N, C-alpha and C. Protein backbone atom coordinates (compact mmCIF):
# COMPACT_ATOMS: atom_id res chain seq x y z
N UNK A 1 71.24 3.78 -25.76
CA UNK A 1 72.68 3.82 -25.18
C UNK A 1 73.67 3.42 -26.38
N UNK A 2 73.30 2.38 -27.03
CA UNK A 2 74.22 2.19 -27.99
C UNK A 2 74.40 2.72 -29.25
N UNK A 3 75.51 3.31 -29.61
CA UNK A 3 75.91 4.00 -31.07
C UNK A 3 76.36 2.83 -31.97
N UNK A 4 76.16 3.00 -33.21
CA UNK A 4 76.67 2.49 -34.22
C UNK A 4 78.23 2.80 -34.64
N UNK A 5 79.06 1.62 -34.57
CA UNK A 5 80.26 2.30 -35.08
C UNK A 5 81.22 0.89 -35.76
N UNK A 6 82.18 1.30 -36.42
CA UNK A 6 82.90 0.25 -37.07
C UNK A 6 84.00 -0.38 -36.64
N UNK A 7 84.54 -0.02 -35.23
CA UNK A 7 85.51 -0.35 -34.56
C UNK A 7 87.16 -0.15 -34.90
N UNK A 8 87.06 0.54 -36.01
CA UNK A 8 87.84 1.27 -36.52
C UNK A 8 87.85 2.64 -37.20
N UNK A 9 88.92 3.37 -36.69
CA UNK A 9 88.61 4.94 -36.85
C UNK A 9 87.58 5.59 -38.02
N UNK A 10 86.59 5.95 -38.18
CA UNK A 10 85.64 5.87 -39.32
C UNK A 10 86.01 7.48 -40.11
N UNK A 11 85.64 7.37 -40.90
CA UNK A 11 85.81 9.09 -42.04
C UNK A 11 85.13 10.06 -41.29
N UNK A 12 83.70 9.71 -40.90
CA UNK A 12 82.88 10.43 -40.60
C UNK A 12 83.31 11.30 -39.22
N UNK A 13 84.11 10.46 -38.69
CA UNK A 13 84.49 11.07 -37.10
C UNK A 13 85.75 12.17 -37.34
N UNK A 14 86.33 12.36 -38.63
CA UNK A 14 87.23 13.40 -38.35
C UNK A 14 86.71 14.92 -38.31
N UNK A 15 85.91 15.12 -38.88
CA UNK A 15 85.47 16.66 -38.87
C UNK A 15 85.31 17.10 -37.02
N UNK A 16 84.79 15.94 -36.21
CA UNK A 16 84.49 16.69 -34.83
C UNK A 16 85.81 16.46 -34.03
N UNK A 17 87.14 16.49 -34.89
CA UNK A 17 88.12 16.49 -34.07
C UNK A 17 88.80 18.10 -34.50
N UNK A 18 88.05 18.77 -35.05
CA UNK A 18 88.72 19.79 -35.86
C UNK A 18 89.14 21.02 -34.21
N UNK A 19 88.49 21.19 -33.62
CA UNK A 19 88.76 22.24 -32.82
C UNK A 19 89.25 21.58 -31.21
N UNK A 20 90.02 20.61 -31.22
CA UNK A 20 90.10 20.01 -30.39
C UNK A 20 91.96 20.24 -29.33
N UNK A 21 92.79 20.86 -30.60
CA UNK A 21 94.06 20.86 -30.33
C UNK A 21 94.08 22.58 -30.88
N UNK A 22 95.48 23.00 -31.29
CA UNK A 22 96.00 24.18 -31.70
C UNK A 22 95.85 24.47 -33.33
N UNK A 23 96.33 25.16 -33.71
CA UNK A 23 96.00 25.85 -35.43
C UNK A 23 96.53 24.74 -36.12
N UNK A 24 97.88 24.05 -35.97
CA UNK A 24 98.45 23.37 -36.63
C UNK A 24 97.68 21.88 -36.95
N UNK A 25 96.96 21.45 -35.75
CA UNK A 25 95.96 20.39 -35.84
C UNK A 25 94.68 20.94 -36.84
N UNK A 26 94.25 21.74 -36.04
CA UNK A 26 93.40 22.10 -37.26
C UNK A 26 93.28 21.96 -38.79
N UNK A 27 94.42 23.17 -38.86
CA UNK A 27 94.92 23.37 -40.23
C UNK A 27 95.27 21.71 -40.72
N UNK A 28 95.67 20.73 -40.23
CA UNK A 28 95.44 19.20 -40.71
C UNK A 28 94.15 18.69 -41.05
N UNK A 29 93.38 18.70 -39.84
CA UNK A 29 92.17 18.14 -40.16
C UNK A 29 91.20 18.93 -41.24
N UNK A 30 91.46 20.08 -41.25
CA UNK A 30 90.72 20.84 -42.22
C UNK A 30 91.30 20.40 -43.72
N UNK A 31 92.29 20.27 -43.88
CA UNK A 31 92.69 19.69 -45.16
C UNK A 31 92.29 18.18 -45.36
N UNK A 32 92.53 17.49 -44.30
CA UNK A 32 92.08 16.41 -44.95
C UNK A 32 90.64 15.94 -45.14
N UNK A 33 89.96 17.03 -44.48
CA UNK A 33 88.52 17.40 -44.76
C UNK A 33 87.96 17.22 -46.30
N UNK A 34 89.14 18.20 -46.91
CA UNK A 34 88.77 18.54 -48.28
C UNK A 34 89.02 17.36 -49.36
N UNK A 35 89.80 16.48 -48.67
CA UNK A 35 90.32 15.18 -49.57
C UNK A 35 89.20 14.09 -49.89
N UNK A 36 89.05 13.22 -50.65
CA UNK A 36 88.38 11.99 -50.76
C UNK A 36 88.61 11.12 -49.80
N UNK A 37 87.71 10.10 -49.69
CA UNK A 37 87.90 9.15 -48.45
C UNK A 37 89.10 8.23 -48.58
N UNK A 38 89.65 7.99 -49.84
CA UNK A 38 90.46 7.20 -50.31
C UNK A 38 91.91 7.88 -50.77
N UNK A 39 91.92 9.05 -50.59
CA UNK A 39 93.04 9.97 -50.55
C UNK A 39 94.06 9.12 -49.52
N UNK A 40 95.55 9.23 -49.95
CA UNK A 40 96.52 8.65 -49.01
C UNK A 40 96.68 9.50 -47.78
N UNK A 41 96.30 11.20 -47.87
CA UNK A 41 96.45 11.52 -46.53
C UNK A 41 95.25 11.71 -45.54
N UNK A 42 94.05 11.33 -46.33
CA UNK A 42 92.87 10.88 -45.51
C UNK A 42 93.25 9.82 -44.76
N UNK A 43 93.80 8.48 -45.54
CA UNK A 43 93.75 7.35 -45.09
C UNK A 43 95.01 7.17 -43.89
N UNK A 44 96.07 8.19 -43.94
CA UNK A 44 97.12 8.28 -43.19
C UNK A 44 96.51 8.46 -42.19
N UNK A 45 95.59 9.55 -42.03
CA UNK A 45 94.88 10.38 -40.87
C UNK A 45 94.30 9.38 -40.12
N UNK A 46 93.30 8.56 -40.77
CA UNK A 46 92.64 7.37 -40.02
C UNK A 46 93.47 6.64 -39.36
N UNK A 47 94.59 6.10 -40.40
CA UNK A 47 95.71 5.33 -39.95
C UNK A 47 96.16 5.57 -38.17
N UNK A 48 96.38 7.35 -38.09
CA UNK A 48 97.14 7.87 -36.89
C UNK A 48 96.16 7.41 -35.85
N UNK A 49 94.98 8.16 -36.28
CA UNK A 49 93.71 7.52 -35.07
C UNK A 49 93.80 6.52 -34.85
N UNK A 50 93.49 5.52 -35.86
CA UNK A 50 93.40 3.99 -35.03
C UNK A 50 94.57 3.44 -34.30
N UNK A 51 95.84 3.94 -34.52
CA UNK A 51 96.90 3.64 -33.56
C UNK A 51 96.84 4.43 -32.31
N UNK A 52 96.43 5.60 -32.51
CA UNK A 52 96.64 6.69 -31.31
C UNK A 52 95.14 6.11 -30.11
N UNK A 53 93.88 5.60 -30.64
CA UNK A 53 92.99 5.32 -30.39
C UNK A 53 93.00 4.03 -29.67
N UNK A 54 93.87 3.30 -30.16
CA UNK A 54 94.05 1.90 -29.70
C UNK A 54 92.79 1.12 -30.07
N UNK A 55 92.30 1.51 -31.64
CA UNK A 55 91.12 0.69 -32.02
C UNK A 55 91.00 -0.71 -32.65
N UNK A 56 92.65 -1.47 -32.39
CA UNK A 56 92.76 -2.64 -32.70
C UNK A 56 92.33 -3.69 -31.44
N UNK A 57 92.33 -2.98 -30.27
CA UNK A 57 92.17 -3.57 -29.17
C UNK A 57 90.66 -3.10 -28.56
N UNK A 58 89.79 -2.53 -29.41
CA UNK A 58 88.62 -2.26 -28.95
C UNK A 58 87.25 -3.43 -29.09
N UNK A 59 86.88 -3.69 -28.28
CA UNK A 59 85.78 -4.96 -28.27
C UNK A 59 84.41 -4.33 -28.63
N UNK A 60 83.23 -4.92 -29.22
CA UNK A 60 81.99 -4.37 -29.86
C UNK A 60 81.33 -4.05 -28.41
N UNK A 61 81.56 -5.19 -27.15
CA UNK A 61 80.68 -4.87 -26.09
C UNK A 61 81.73 -3.78 -24.80
N UNK A 62 82.60 -3.48 -25.36
CA UNK A 62 83.40 -2.49 -24.24
C UNK A 62 82.37 -0.98 -24.51
N UNK A 63 83.00 -0.32 -23.39
CA UNK A 63 82.64 1.08 -22.87
C UNK A 63 82.87 1.91 -24.10
N UNK A 64 84.15 1.73 -24.67
CA UNK A 64 84.61 3.00 -25.49
C UNK A 64 83.65 2.50 -26.93
N UNK A 65 83.31 1.13 -27.30
CA UNK A 65 82.76 1.11 -28.44
C UNK A 65 81.22 1.50 -28.14
N UNK A 66 80.73 1.22 -27.02
CA UNK A 66 79.28 1.60 -26.88
C UNK A 66 79.16 3.28 -27.12
N UNK A 67 80.02 3.63 -26.82
CA UNK A 67 79.98 5.28 -26.69
C UNK A 67 80.43 5.88 -28.18
N UNK A 68 81.03 5.23 -28.80
CA UNK A 68 81.15 5.41 -30.22
C UNK A 68 82.42 5.98 -30.61
N UNK A 69 83.22 5.66 -32.09
CA UNK A 69 84.14 6.12 -32.40
C UNK A 69 84.66 7.58 -31.83
N UNK A 70 83.86 8.73 -32.54
CA UNK A 70 84.13 9.88 -32.46
C UNK A 70 84.06 10.10 -30.80
N UNK A 71 83.44 9.91 -30.02
CA UNK A 71 83.84 10.29 -28.51
C UNK A 71 84.96 9.52 -28.04
N UNK A 72 85.22 8.18 -28.46
CA UNK A 72 86.50 7.56 -28.02
C UNK A 72 87.69 8.63 -28.81
N UNK A 73 87.81 9.15 -29.69
CA UNK A 73 88.81 9.97 -30.72
C UNK A 73 88.53 11.09 -29.59
N UNK A 74 87.63 12.01 -29.27
CA UNK A 74 87.93 13.01 -28.74
C UNK A 74 88.54 13.10 -27.01
N UNK A 75 88.21 11.76 -26.67
CA UNK A 75 88.99 11.45 -25.15
C UNK A 75 90.08 11.48 -25.41
N UNK A 76 90.44 10.40 -26.45
CA UNK A 76 92.13 10.56 -26.58
C UNK A 76 92.61 11.34 -26.64
N UNK A 77 92.26 12.62 -27.77
CA UNK A 77 92.92 13.76 -27.84
C UNK A 77 92.82 14.55 -26.76
N UNK A 78 92.04 14.95 -25.94
CA UNK A 78 92.22 15.54 -24.90
C UNK A 78 93.31 15.15 -23.98
N UNK A 79 93.46 13.66 -23.73
CA UNK A 79 94.25 13.17 -22.56
C UNK A 79 95.64 13.02 -23.36
N UNK A 80 95.78 13.50 -24.16
CA UNK A 80 97.19 13.34 -25.21
C UNK A 80 97.91 14.23 -24.71
N UNK A 81 98.99 14.14 -23.84
CA UNK A 81 100.21 14.69 -23.46
C UNK A 81 101.00 15.45 -24.31
N UNK A 82 101.53 15.05 -25.47
CA UNK A 82 102.39 15.34 -26.43
C UNK A 82 101.74 16.99 -26.77
N UNK A 83 102.49 17.66 -27.67
CA UNK A 83 102.31 18.61 -28.55
C UNK A 83 101.70 18.45 -29.68
N UNK A 84 101.09 19.58 -30.72
CA UNK A 84 100.55 19.04 -31.91
C UNK A 84 101.89 18.62 -32.49
N UNK A 85 102.76 19.00 -32.88
CA UNK A 85 103.86 18.47 -33.29
C UNK A 85 104.40 17.30 -33.17
N UNK A 86 104.01 16.56 -32.20
CA UNK A 86 104.15 15.10 -31.86
C UNK A 86 102.92 14.48 -32.91
N UNK A 87 101.54 15.02 -32.75
CA UNK A 87 100.65 14.37 -33.71
C UNK A 87 100.84 14.47 -34.95
N UNK A 88 101.48 15.67 -35.57
CA UNK A 88 101.85 15.69 -36.96
C UNK A 88 102.98 14.52 -36.89
N UNK A 89 103.83 14.72 -36.31
CA UNK A 89 104.83 13.46 -36.32
C UNK A 89 104.03 12.24 -36.76
N UNK A 90 103.10 11.79 -35.99
CA UNK A 90 102.63 10.66 -35.97
C UNK A 90 101.83 10.49 -37.38
N UNK A 91 101.10 11.77 -37.74
CA UNK A 91 100.46 11.47 -39.25
C UNK A 91 101.66 11.58 -40.31
N UNK A 92 102.83 11.99 -39.97
CA UNK A 92 103.60 12.12 -41.26
C UNK A 92 104.20 10.33 -41.27
N UNK A 93 104.05 9.80 -40.16
CA UNK A 93 104.64 8.45 -39.83
C UNK A 93 103.71 7.55 -40.76
N UNK A 94 102.65 7.84 -40.30
CA UNK A 94 101.40 7.08 -41.06
C UNK A 94 101.38 7.14 -42.43
N UNK A 95 101.32 8.54 -42.97
CA UNK A 95 101.69 8.73 -44.37
C UNK A 95 102.73 8.21 -45.18
N UNK A 96 103.67 8.21 -44.37
CA UNK A 96 104.71 7.35 -44.93
C UNK A 96 104.62 5.54 -44.94
N UNK A 97 103.82 5.20 -43.84
CA UNK A 97 103.36 3.76 -44.11
C UNK A 97 102.73 3.46 -45.31
N UNK A 98 101.53 4.37 -45.22
CA UNK A 98 100.48 4.41 -46.28
C UNK A 98 101.34 4.12 -47.54
N UNK A 99 102.03 5.03 -47.82
CA UNK A 99 102.77 5.20 -49.33
C UNK A 99 103.79 3.90 -49.42
N UNK A 100 104.32 3.62 -48.61
CA UNK A 100 105.47 2.34 -48.85
C UNK A 100 104.47 1.14 -48.82
N UNK A 101 103.48 0.87 -47.88
CA UNK A 101 102.30 0.03 -48.53
C UNK A 101 101.86 -0.21 -49.87
N UNK A 102 101.33 1.11 -50.12
CA UNK A 102 100.79 1.32 -51.63
C UNK A 102 102.34 0.82 -52.63
N UNK A 103 103.44 1.25 -52.43
CA UNK A 103 104.32 0.99 -53.06
C UNK A 103 104.46 -0.17 -53.56
N UNK A 104 104.37 -0.90 -52.30
CA UNK A 104 104.58 -3.01 -51.85
C UNK A 104 103.70 -3.25 -52.78
N UNK A 105 102.65 -2.73 -52.59
CA UNK A 105 101.24 -3.64 -53.32
C UNK A 105 101.46 -3.44 -54.32
N UNK A 106 101.38 -2.67 -54.84
CA UNK A 106 101.35 -2.18 -56.51
C UNK A 106 102.49 -3.09 -57.27
N UNK A 107 103.86 -3.54 -56.30
CA UNK A 107 104.89 -4.45 -56.95
C UNK A 107 104.37 -5.72 -56.67
N UNK A 108 103.92 -6.09 -55.71
CA UNK A 108 102.87 -7.62 -55.77
C UNK A 108 101.75 -7.69 -55.99
N UNK A 109 101.27 -6.73 -56.69
CA UNK A 109 99.99 -6.99 -57.17
C UNK A 109 98.79 -6.94 -55.81
N UNK A 110 98.80 -6.42 -54.80
CA UNK A 110 98.01 -6.60 -53.66
C UNK A 110 97.09 -5.34 -53.58
N UNK A 111 95.83 -5.52 -53.61
CA UNK A 111 95.05 -4.51 -53.36
C UNK A 111 95.18 -3.94 -52.14
N UNK A 112 94.66 -2.82 -52.03
CA UNK A 112 94.81 -2.06 -50.48
C UNK A 112 93.83 -2.72 -49.43
N UNK A 113 92.65 -3.16 -50.05
CA UNK A 113 91.59 -3.86 -48.97
C UNK A 113 92.31 -5.20 -48.46
N UNK A 114 93.07 -5.86 -49.22
CA UNK A 114 93.78 -7.15 -49.28
C UNK A 114 94.69 -7.01 -48.13
N UNK A 115 95.07 -5.98 -47.59
CA UNK A 115 96.24 -6.14 -46.71
C UNK A 115 96.64 -4.76 -45.62
N UNK A 116 95.42 -4.01 -45.70
CA UNK A 116 95.70 -2.80 -44.97
C UNK A 116 95.50 -3.26 -43.22
N UNK A 117 95.20 -3.98 -43.25
CA UNK A 117 95.74 -4.66 -41.56
C UNK A 117 97.03 -4.80 -41.41
N UNK A 118 97.93 -5.06 -42.44
CA UNK A 118 98.85 -5.12 -42.03
C UNK A 118 99.94 -3.80 -41.50
N UNK A 119 99.46 -2.98 -41.76
CA UNK A 119 99.64 -1.58 -40.94
C UNK A 119 99.51 -1.32 -39.63
N UNK A 120 98.57 -1.90 -39.48
CA UNK A 120 98.37 -1.53 -38.18
C UNK A 120 99.25 -2.24 -36.69
């Protein structure tokens, strides 16, 4: 019954989201899947999904966590009332946040792993 999960949206769950929405969403998912896991667009996609799914409030013993991150993300996107453009806007905002954080971290000598939670 329990599935392994990371409590924050994992990279390997991205592929399962490809066919959930329209062509613009599918194009975004397919583009992100071609990029390395540490690429800024991949990180932005994961950040967008963390925000959308509410991963920060997920508990290891919750029903959502027991089902696993891919199942939670699928359900969240199926229930999403907005258009694909709204999701793309969320992605653009997450990308801007990632870029801003990277620029700020470079100026202060902070690594991504030391301060990534400040984006959430």
